[in-house]
Amino acid sequence: MHEEHRRITERLMSLPGVVGVDIDAPAGRDRVLVFVDRTVASADLPQEQRIPETIEGYPVEIIESGPLMAENGENDDGRPTGS
């Protein structure tokens, strides 16, 4: 599963607007959670930039999280929070 998770994460993190990826297993059903800074209509994106509905057989759930912050108090772009 670790290699699969790495592949899925690398593929999805390469898409614009994706700020995080996790594989979750509620009630024994694996799914891929994709965190985005903001949601964008699929029709507004070129096909190659769209987040798929499934990846490697797992359903995908998109969550609008805004920019994520690291535990060190920096934004995802390395700036301290509040900048």
PDB file of N, CA and C in Angstrom:
ATOM      1  N   MET A   1       0.823  -1.205   0.000  1.00  0.00           N
ATOM      2  CA  MET A   1       0.000   0.000   0.000  1.00  0.00           C
ATOM      3  C   MET A   1       0.866   1.266   0.000  1.00  0.00           C
ATOM      4  N   HIS A   2       2.054   1.204   0.613  1.00  0.00           N
ATOM      5  CA  HIS A   2       2.895   2.405   0.686  1.00  0.00           C
ATOM      6  C   HIS A   2       3.317   2.888  -0.698  1.00  0.00           C
ATOM      7  N   GLU A   3       3.728   1.966  -1.562  1.00  0.00           N
ATOM      8  CA  GLU A   3       4.130   2.341  -2.925  1.00  0.00           C
ATOM      9  C   GLU A   3       2.936   2.904  -3.694  1.00  0.00           C
ATOM     10  N   GLU A   4       1.793   2.278  -3.526  1.00  0.00           N
ATOM     11  CA  GLU A   4       0.572   2.736  -4.185  1.00  0.00           C
ATOM     12  C   GLU A   4       0.197   4.141  -3.699  1.00  0.00           C
ATOM     13  N   HIS A   5       0.274   4.360  -2.393  1.00  0.00           N
ATOM     14  CA  HIS A   5      -0.031   5.674  -1.820  1.00  0.00           C
ATOM     15  C   HIS A   5       0.927   6.729  -2.373  1.00  0.00           C
ATOM     16  N   ARG A   6       2.211   6.383  -2.473  1.00  0.00           N
ATOM     17  CA  ARG A   6       3.206   7.319  -3.003  1.00  0.00           C
ATOM     18  C   ARG A   6       2.885   7.688  -4.447  1.00  0.00           C
ATOM     19  N   ARG A   7       2.553   6.673  -5.268  1.00  0.00           N
ATOM     20  CA  ARG A   7       2.206   6.924  -6.683  1.00  0.00           C
ATOM     21  C   ARG A   7       0.992   7.828  -6.798  1.00  0.00           C
ATOM     22  N   ILE A   8      -0.051   7.518  -6.037  1.00  0.00           N
ATOM     23  CA  ILE A   8      -1.283   8.299  -6.081  1.00  0.00           C
ATOM     24  C   ILE A   8      -1.005   9.731  -5.638  1.00  0.00           C
ATOM     25  N   THR A   9      -0.257   9.872  -4.552  1.00  0.00           N
ATOM     26  CA  THR A   9       0.056  11.211  -4.022  1.00  0.00           C
ATOM     27  C   THR A   9       0.851  12.024  -5.030  1.00  0.00           C
ATOM     28  N   GLU A  10       1.884  11.438  -5.618  1.00  0.00           N
ATOM     29  CA  GLU A  10       2.699  12.163  -6.600  1.00  0.00           C
ATOM     30  C   GLU A  10       1.860  12.618  -7.785  1.00  0.00           C
ATOM     31  N   ARG A  11       1.017  11.724  -8.275  1.00  0.00           N
ATOM     32  CA  ARG A  11       0.181  12.070  -9.443  1.00  0.00           C
ATOM     33  C   ARG A  11      -0.762  13.226  -9.113  1.00  0.00           C
ATOM     34  N   LEU A  12      -1.444  13.134  -7.979  1.00  0.00           N
ATOM     35  CA  LEU A  12      -2.434  14.162  -7.649  1.00  0.00           C
ATOM     36  C   LEU A  12      -1.786  15.475  -7.224  1.00  0.00           C
ATOM     37  N   MET A  13      -0.667  15.423  -6.499  1.00  0.00           N
ATOM     38  CA  MET A  13      -0.005  16.652  -6.056  1.00  0.00           C
ATOM     39  C   MET A  13       0.576  17.437  -7.228  1.00  0.00           C
ATOM     40  N   SER A  14       0.720  16.804  -8.384  1.00  0.00           N
ATOM     41  CA  SER A  14       1.231  17.510  -9.553  1.00  0.00           C
ATOM     42  C   SER A  14       0.153  18.382 -10.208  1.00  0.00           C
ATOM     43  N   LEU A  15      -1.097  18.215  -9.781  1.00  0.00           N
ATOM     44  CA  LEU A  15      -2.195  18.988 -10.373  1.00  0.00           C
ATOM     45  C   LEU A  15      -2.296  20.351  -9.708  1.00  0.00           C
ATOM     46  N   PRO A  16      -2.607  21.405 -10.478  1.00  0.00           N
ATOM     47  CA  PRO A  16      -2.724  22.740  -9.894  1.00  0.00           C
ATOM     48  C   PRO A  16      -3.850  22.787  -8.871  1.00  0.00           C
ATOM     49  N   GLY A  17      -3.584  23.464  -7.753  1.00  0.00           N
ATOM     50  CA  GLY A  17      -4.602  23.657  -6.725  1.00  0.00           C
ATOM     51  C   GLY A  17      -4.669  22.567  -5.682  1.00  0.00           C
ATOM     52  N   VAL A  18      -3.997  21.427  -5.912  1.00  0.00           N
ATOM     53  CA  VAL A  18      -4.008  20.342  -4.932  1.00  0.00           C
ATOM     54  C   VAL A  18      -2.973  20.657  -3.858  1.00  0.00           C
ATOM     55  N   VAL A  19      -3.420  20.669  -2.584  1.00  0.00           N
ATOM     56  CA  VAL A  19      -2.523  20.997  -1.474  1.00  0.00           C
ATOM     57  C   VAL A  19      -2.278  19.820  -0.541  1.00  0.00           C
ATOM     58  N   GLY A  20      -2.995  18.706  -0.740  1.00  0.00           N
ATOM     59  CA  GLY A  20      -2.789  17.536   0.099  1.00  0.00           C
ATOM     60  C   GLY A  20      -3.560  16.332  -0.411  1.00  0.00           C
ATOM     61  N   VAL A  21      -3.084  15.142  -0.046  1.00  0.00           N
ATOM     62  CA  VAL A  21      -3.719  13.887  -0.452  1.00  0.00           C
ATOM     63  C   VAL A  21      -3.632  12.932   0.732  1.00  0.00           C
ATOM     64  N   ASP A  22      -4.698  12.168   0.950  1.00  0.00           N
ATOM     65  CA  ASP A  22      -4.691  11.146   1.991  1.00  0.00           C
ATOM     66  C   ASP A  22      -5.531   9.968   1.513  1.00  0.00           C
ATOM     67  N   ILE A  23      -5.188   8.784   1.976  1.00  0.00           N
ATOM     68  CA  ILE A  23      -6.024   7.616   1.722  1.00  0.00           C
ATOM     69  C   ILE A  23      -6.709   7.284   3.032  1.00  0.00           C
ATOM     70  N   ASP A  24      -8.026   7.249   2.997  1.00  0.00           N
ATOM     71  CA  ASP A  24      -8.857   7.082   4.181  1.00  0.00           C
ATOM     72  C   ASP A  24      -9.654   5.792   4.025  1.00  0.00           C
ATOM     73  N   ALA A  25      -9.954   5.138   5.122  1.00  0.00           N
ATOM     74  CA  ALA A  25     -10.702   3.877   5.062  1.00  0.00           C
ATOM     75  C   ALA A  25     -11.848   3.871   6.066  1.00  0.00           C
ATOM     76  N   PRO A  26     -12.877   4.714   5.855  1.00  0.00           N
ATOM     77  CA  PRO A  26     -14.016   4.672   6.773  1.00  0.00           C
ATOM     78  C   PRO A  26     -14.819   3.397   6.562  1.00  0.00           C
ATOM     79  N   ALA A  27     -15.142   2.717   7.616  1.00  0.00           N
ATOM     80  CA  ALA A  27     -15.950   1.496   7.549  1.00  0.00           C
ATOM     81  C   ALA A  27     -15.351   0.473   6.579  1.00  0.00           C
ATOM     82  N   GLY A  28     -14.004   0.443   6.487  1.00  0.00           N
ATOM     83  CA  GLY A  28     -13.354  -0.557   5.657  1.00  0.00           C
ATOM     84  C   GLY A  28     -13.328  -0.273   4.168  1.00  0.00           C
ATOM     85  N   ARG A  29     -13.841   0.872   3.738  1.00  0.00           N
ATOM     86  CA  ARG A  29     -13.844   1.214   2.303  1.00  0.00           C
ATOM     87  C   ARG A  29     -12.792   2.281   2.052  1.00  0.00           C
ATOM     88  N   ASP A  30     -11.719   1.909   1.364  1.00  0.00           N
ATOM     89  CA  ASP A  30     -10.680   2.889   1.062  1.00  0.00           C
ATOM     90  C   ASP A  30     -11.210   3.941   0.099  1.00  0.00           C
ATOM     91  N   ARG A  31     -10.749   5.165   0.287  1.00  0.00           N
ATOM     92  CA  ARG A  31     -11.051   6.261  -0.638  1.00  0.00           C
ATOM     93  C   ARG A  31      -9.869   7.222  -0.581  1.00  0.00           C
ATOM     94  N   VAL A  32      -9.718   7.997  -1.632  1.00  0.00           N
ATOM     95  CA  VAL A  32      -8.650   8.986  -1.703  1.00  0.00           C
ATOM     96  C   VAL A  32      -9.266  10.352  -1.443  1.00  0.00           C
ATOM     97  N   LEU A  33      -8.720  11.037  -0.440  1.00  0.00           N
ATOM     98  CA  LEU A  33      -9.149  12.398  -0.136  1.00  0.00           C
ATOM     99  C   LEU A  33      -8.160  13.349  -0.790  1.00  0.00           C
ATOM    100  N   VAL A  34      -8.682  14.281  -1.584  1.00  0.00           N
ATOM    101  CA  VAL A  34      -7.837  15.260  -2.257  1.00  0.00           C
ATOM    102  C   VAL A  34      -8.222  16.634  -1.734  1.00  0.00           C
ATOM    103  N   PHE A  35      -7.273  17.297  -1.083  1.00  0.00           N
ATOM    104  CA  PHE A  35      -7.502  18.618  -0.517  1.00  0.00           C
ATOM    105  C   PHE A  35      -7.038  19.670  -1.521  1.00  0.00           C
ATOM    106  N   VAL A  36      -7.925  20.618  -1.820  1.00  0.00           N
ATOM    107  CA  VAL A  36      -7.615  21.680  -2.783  1.00  0.00           C
ATOM    108  C   VAL A  36      -7.741  23.031  -2.100  1.00  0.00           C
ATOM    109  N   ASP A  37      -6.982  24.020  -2.596  1.00  0.00           N
ATOM    110  CA  ASP A  37      -7.070  25.341  -1.991  1.00  0.00           C
ATOM    111  C   ASP A  37      -8.419  25.990  -2.280  1.00  0.00           C
ATOM    112  N   ARG A  38      -8.985  25.692  -3.449  1.00  0.00           N
ATOM    113  CA  ARG A  38     -10.352  26.130  -3.762  1.00  0.00           C
ATOM    114  C   ARG A  38     -10.885  25.244  -4.875  1.00  0.00           C
ATOM    115  N   THR A  39     -12.186  25.021  -4.865  1.00  0.00           N
ATOM    116  CA  THR A  39     -12.772  24.171  -5.901  1.00  0.00           C
ATOM    117  C   THR A  39     -12.965  24.975  -7.178  1.00  0.00           C
ATOM    118  N   VAL A  40     -12.798  24.287  -8.285  1.00  0.00           N
ATOM    119  CA  VAL A  40     -12.954  24.870  -9.616  1.00  0.00           C
ATOM    120  C   VAL A  40     -13.802  23.892 -10.426  1.00  0.00           C
ATOM    121  N   ALA A  41     -14.739  24.400 -11.195  1.00  0.00           N
ATOM    122  CA  ALA A  41     -15.564  23.532 -12.035  1.00  0.00           C
ATOM    123  C   ALA A  41     -14.683  22.776 -13.032  1.00  0.00           C
ATOM    124  N   SER A  42     -14.921  21.478 -13.170  1.00  0.00           N
ATOM    125  CA  SER A  42     -14.133  20.664 -14.102  1.00  0.00           C
ATOM    126  C   SER A  42     -14.127  21.244 -15.504  1.00  0.00           C
ATOM    127  N   ALA A  43     -15.262  21.785 -15.919  1.00  0.00           N
ATOM    128  CA  ALA A  43     -15.380  22.337 -17.274  1.00  0.00           C
ATOM    129  C   ALA A  43     -14.417  23.503 -17.498  1.00  0.00           C
ATOM    130  N   ASP A  44     -13.957  24.142 -16.396  1.00  0.00           N
ATOM    131  CA  ASP A  44     -13.045  25.274 -16.511  1.00  0.00           C
ATOM    132  C   ASP A  44     -11.579  24.851 -16.580  1.00  0.00           C
ATOM    133  N   LEU A  45     -11.317  23.546 -16.493  1.00  0.00           N
ATOM    134  CA  LEU A  45      -9.944  23.052 -16.502  1.00  0.00           C
ATOM    135  C   LEU A  45      -9.683  22.190 -17.730  1.00  0.00           C
ATOM    136  N   PRO A  46      -8.460  22.230 -18.261  1.00  0.00           N
ATOM    137  CA  PRO A  46      -8.111  21.294 -19.326  1.00  0.00           C
ATOM    138  C   PRO A  46      -8.184  19.868 -18.769  1.00  0.00           C
ATOM    139  N   GLN A  47      -8.486  18.912 -19.605  1.00  0.00           N
ATOM    140  CA  GLN A  47      -8.647  17.515 -19.187  1.00  0.00           C
ATOM    141  C   GLN A  47      -7.473  17.026 -18.331  1.00  0.00           C
ATOM    142  N   GLU A  48      -6.242  17.351 -18.721  1.00  0.00           N
ATOM    143  CA  GLU A  48      -5.066  16.846 -18.005  1.00  0.00           C
ATOM    144  C   GLU A  48      -4.883  17.458 -16.619  1.00  0.00           C
ATOM    145  N   GLN A  49      -5.633  18.526 -16.291  1.00  0.00           N
ATOM    146  CA  GLN A  49      -5.538  19.153 -14.977  1.00  0.00           C
ATOM    147  C   GLN A  49      -6.702  18.794 -14.059  1.00  0.00           C
ATOM    148  N   ARG A  50      -7.617  17.967 -14.536  1.00  0.00           N
ATOM    149  CA  ARG A  50      -8.783  17.594 -13.732  1.00  0.00           C
ATOM    150  C   ARG A  50      -8.446  16.466 -12.759  1.00  0.00           C
ATOM    151  N   ILE A  51      -9.033  16.528 -11.580  1.00  0.00           N
ATOM    152  CA  ILE A  51      -8.893  15.453 -10.604  1.00  0.00           C
ATOM    153  C   ILE A  51      -9.859  14.343 -11.019  1.00  0.00           C
ATOM    154  N   PRO A  52      -9.358  13.118 -11.157  1.00  0.00           N
ATOM    155  CA  PRO A  52     -10.234  12.027 -11.612  1.00  0.00           C
ATOM    156  C   PRO A  52     -11.264  11.642 -10.541  1.00  0.00           C
ATOM    157  N   GLU A  53     -12.361  11.032 -10.979  1.00  0.00           N
ATOM    158  CA  GLU A  53     -13.383  10.546 -10.043  1.00  0.00           C
ATOM    159  C   GLU A  53     -12.906   9.310  -9.304  1.00  0.00           C
ATOM    160  N   THR A  54     -12.040   8.531  -9.939  1.00  0.00           N
ATOM    161  CA  THR A  54     -11.401   7.380  -9.304  1.00  0.00           C
ATOM    162  C   THR A  54      -9.938   7.373  -9.713  1.00  0.00           C
ATOM    163  N   ILE A  55      -9.108   6.767  -8.862  1.00  0.00           N
ATOM    164  CA  ILE A  55      -7.692   6.615  -9.190  1.00  0.00           C
ATOM    165  C   ILE A  55      -7.229   5.263  -8.655  1.00  0.00           C
ATOM    166  N   GLU A  56      -6.657   4.468  -9.537  1.00  0.00           N
ATOM    167  CA  GLU A  56      -6.199   3.118  -9.212  1.00  0.00           C
ATOM    168  C   GLU A  56      -7.290   2.324  -8.501  1.00  0.00           C
ATOM    169  N   GLY A  57      -8.544   2.528  -8.921  1.00  0.00           N
ATOM    170  CA  GLY A  57      -9.673   1.780  -8.377  1.00  0.00           C
ATOM    171  C   GLY A  57     -10.304   2.368  -7.135  1.00  0.00           C
ATOM    172  N   TYR A  58      -9.746   3.425  -6.591  1.00  0.00           N
ATOM    173  CA  TYR A  58     -10.289   4.051  -5.386  1.00  0.00           C
ATOM    174  C   TYR A  58     -11.171   5.244  -5.752  1.00  0.00           C
ATOM    175  N   PRO A  59     -12.316   5.401  -5.092  1.00  0.00           N
ATOM    176  CA  PRO A  59     -13.110   6.608  -5.315  1.00  0.00           C
ATOM    177  C   PRO A  59     -12.358   7.819  -4.750  1.00  0.00           C
ATOM    178  N   VAL A  60     -12.555   8.959  -5.380  1.00  0.00           N
ATOM    179  CA  VAL A  60     -11.884  10.191  -4.976  1.00  0.00           C
ATOM    180  C   VAL A  60     -12.908  11.161  -4.411  1.00  0.00           C
ATOM    181  N   GLU A  61     -12.577  11.756  -3.278  1.00  0.00           N
ATOM    182  CA  GLU A  61     -13.407  12.796  -2.678  1.00  0.00           C
ATOM    183  C   GLU A  61     -12.581  14.075  -2.617  1.00  0.00           C
ATOM    184  N   ILE A  62     -13.127  15.161  -3.156  1.00  0.00           N
ATOM    185  CA  ILE A  62     -12.426  16.448  -3.171  1.00  0.00           C
ATOM    186  C   ILE A  62     -12.921  17.286  -2.002  1.00  0.00           C
ATOM    187  N   ILE A  63     -11.975  17.842  -1.241  1.00  0.00           N
ATOM    188  CA  ILE A  63     -12.295  18.660  -0.076  1.00  0.00           C
ATOM    189  C   ILE A  63     -11.629  20.018  -0.240  1.00  0.00           C
ATOM    190  N   GLU A  64     -12.432  21.077  -0.211  1.00  0.00           N
ATOM    191  CA  GLU A  64     -11.869  22.429  -0.288  1.00  0.00           C
ATOM    192  C   GLU A  64     -11.368  22.805   1.098  1.00  0.00           C
ATOM    193  N   SER A  65     -10.044  22.906   1.232  1.00  0.00           N
ATOM    194  CA  SER A  65      -9.435  23.168   2.538  1.00  0.00           C
ATOM    195  C   SER A  65      -8.805  24.545   2.640  1.00  0.00           C
ATOM    196  N   GLY A  66      -8.615  25.204   1.508  1.00  0.00           N
ATOM    197  CA  GLY A  66      -7.807  26.412   1.509  1.00  0.00           C
ATOM    198  C   GLY A  66      -6.347  25.998   1.604  1.00  0.00           C
ATOM    199  N   PRO A  67      -5.436  26.954   1.664  1.00  0.00           N
ATOM    200  CA  PRO A  67      -4.017  26.608   1.795  1.00  0.00           C
ATOM    201  C   PRO A  67      -3.775  25.882   3.122  1.00  0.00           C
ATOM    202  N   LEU A  68      -2.952  24.855   3.104  1.00  0.00           N
ATOM    203  CA  LEU A  68      -2.634  24.118   4.322  1.00  0.00           C
ATOM    204  C   LEU A  68      -1.411  24.721   4.979  1.00  0.00           C
ATOM    205  N   MET A  69      -1.309  24.560   6.301  1.00  0.00           N
ATOM    206  CA  MET A  69      -0.152  25.045   7.045  1.00  0.00           C
ATOM    207  C   MET A  69       0.601  23.873   7.631  1.00  0.00           C
ATOM    208  N   ALA A  70       1.906  23.952   7.571  1.00  0.00           N
ATOM    209  CA  ALA A  70       2.754  22.926   8.168  1.00  0.00           C
ATOM    210  C   ALA A  70       2.718  23.087   9.684  1.00  0.00           C
ATOM    211  N   GLU A  71       3.118  22.047  10.390  1.00  0.00           N
ATOM    212  CA  GLU A  71       3.129  22.109  11.848  1.00  0.00           C
ATOM    213  C   GLU A  71       4.099  23.156  12.375  1.00  0.00           C
ATOM    214  N   ASN A  72       5.040  23.607  11.539  1.00  0.00           N
ATOM    215  CA  ASN A  72       6.002  24.612  11.983  1.00  0.00           C
ATOM    216  C   ASN A  72       5.436  26.028  11.903  1.00  0.00           C
ATOM    217  N   GLY A  73       4.134  26.146  11.568  1.00  0.00           N
ATOM    218  CA  GLY A  73       3.499  27.451  11.538  1.00  0.00           C
ATOM    219  C   GLY A  73       3.699  28.214  10.246  1.00  0.00           C
ATOM    220  N   GLU A  74       4.182  27.534   9.200  1.00  0.00           N
ATOM    221  CA  GLU A  74       4.350  28.190   7.908  1.00  0.00           C
ATOM    222  C   GLU A  74       3.239  27.769   6.969  1.00  0.00           C
ATOM    223  N   ASN A  75       2.875  28.665   6.046  1.00  0.00           N
ATOM    224  CA  ASN A  75       1.935  28.318   4.993  1.00  0.00           C
ATOM    225  C   ASN A  75       2.593  27.307   4.075  1.00  0.00           C
ATOM    226  N   ASP A  76       1.803  26.720   3.180  1.00  0.00           N
ATOM    227  CA  ASP A  76       2.360  25.714   2.290  1.00  0.00           C
ATOM    228  C   ASP A  76       3.423  26.272   1.342  1.00  0.00           C
ATOM    229  N   ASP A  77       3.530  27.592   1.233  1.00  0.00           N
ATOM    230  CA  ASP A  77       4.565  28.175   0.366  1.00  0.00           C
ATOM    231  C   ASP A  77       5.794  28.613   1.163  1.00  0.00           C
ATOM    232  N   GLY A  78       5.844  28.251   2.459  1.00  0.00           N
ATOM    233  CA  GLY A  78       7.015  28.542   3.281  1.00  0.00           C
ATOM    234  C   GLY A  78       6.968  29.847   4.031  1.00  0.00           C
ATOM    235  N   ARG A  79       5.936  30.675   3.787  1.00  0.00           N
ATOM    236  CA  ARG A  79       5.832  31.940   4.507  1.00  0.00           C
ATOM    237  C   ARG A  79       5.279  31.704   5.902  1.00  0.00           C
ATOM    238  N   PRO A  80       5.729  32.443   6.917  1.00  0.00           N
ATOM    239  CA  PRO A  80       5.107  32.315   8.237  1.00  0.00           C
ATOM    240  C   PRO A  80       3.632  32.692   8.170  1.00  0.00           C
ATOM    241  N   THR A  81       2.833  32.092   9.016  1.00  0.00           N
ATOM    242  CA  THR A  81       1.409  32.427   9.019  1.00  0.00           C
ATOM    243  C   THR A  81       1.232  33.900   9.348  1.00  0.00           C
ATOM    244  N   GLY A  82       0.205  34.494   8.796  1.00  0.00           N
ATOM    245  CA  GLY A  82      -0.051  35.917   9.004  1.00  0.00           C
ATOM    246  C   GLY A  82       0.669  36.802   8.013  1.00  0.00           C
ATOM    247  N   SER A  83       1.446  36.211   7.076  1.00  0.00           N
ATOM    248  CA  SER A  83       2.176  37.006   6.082  1.00  0.00           C
ATOM    249  C   SER A  83       1.273  37.322   4.911  1.00  0.00           C
TER     250      SER A  83
END
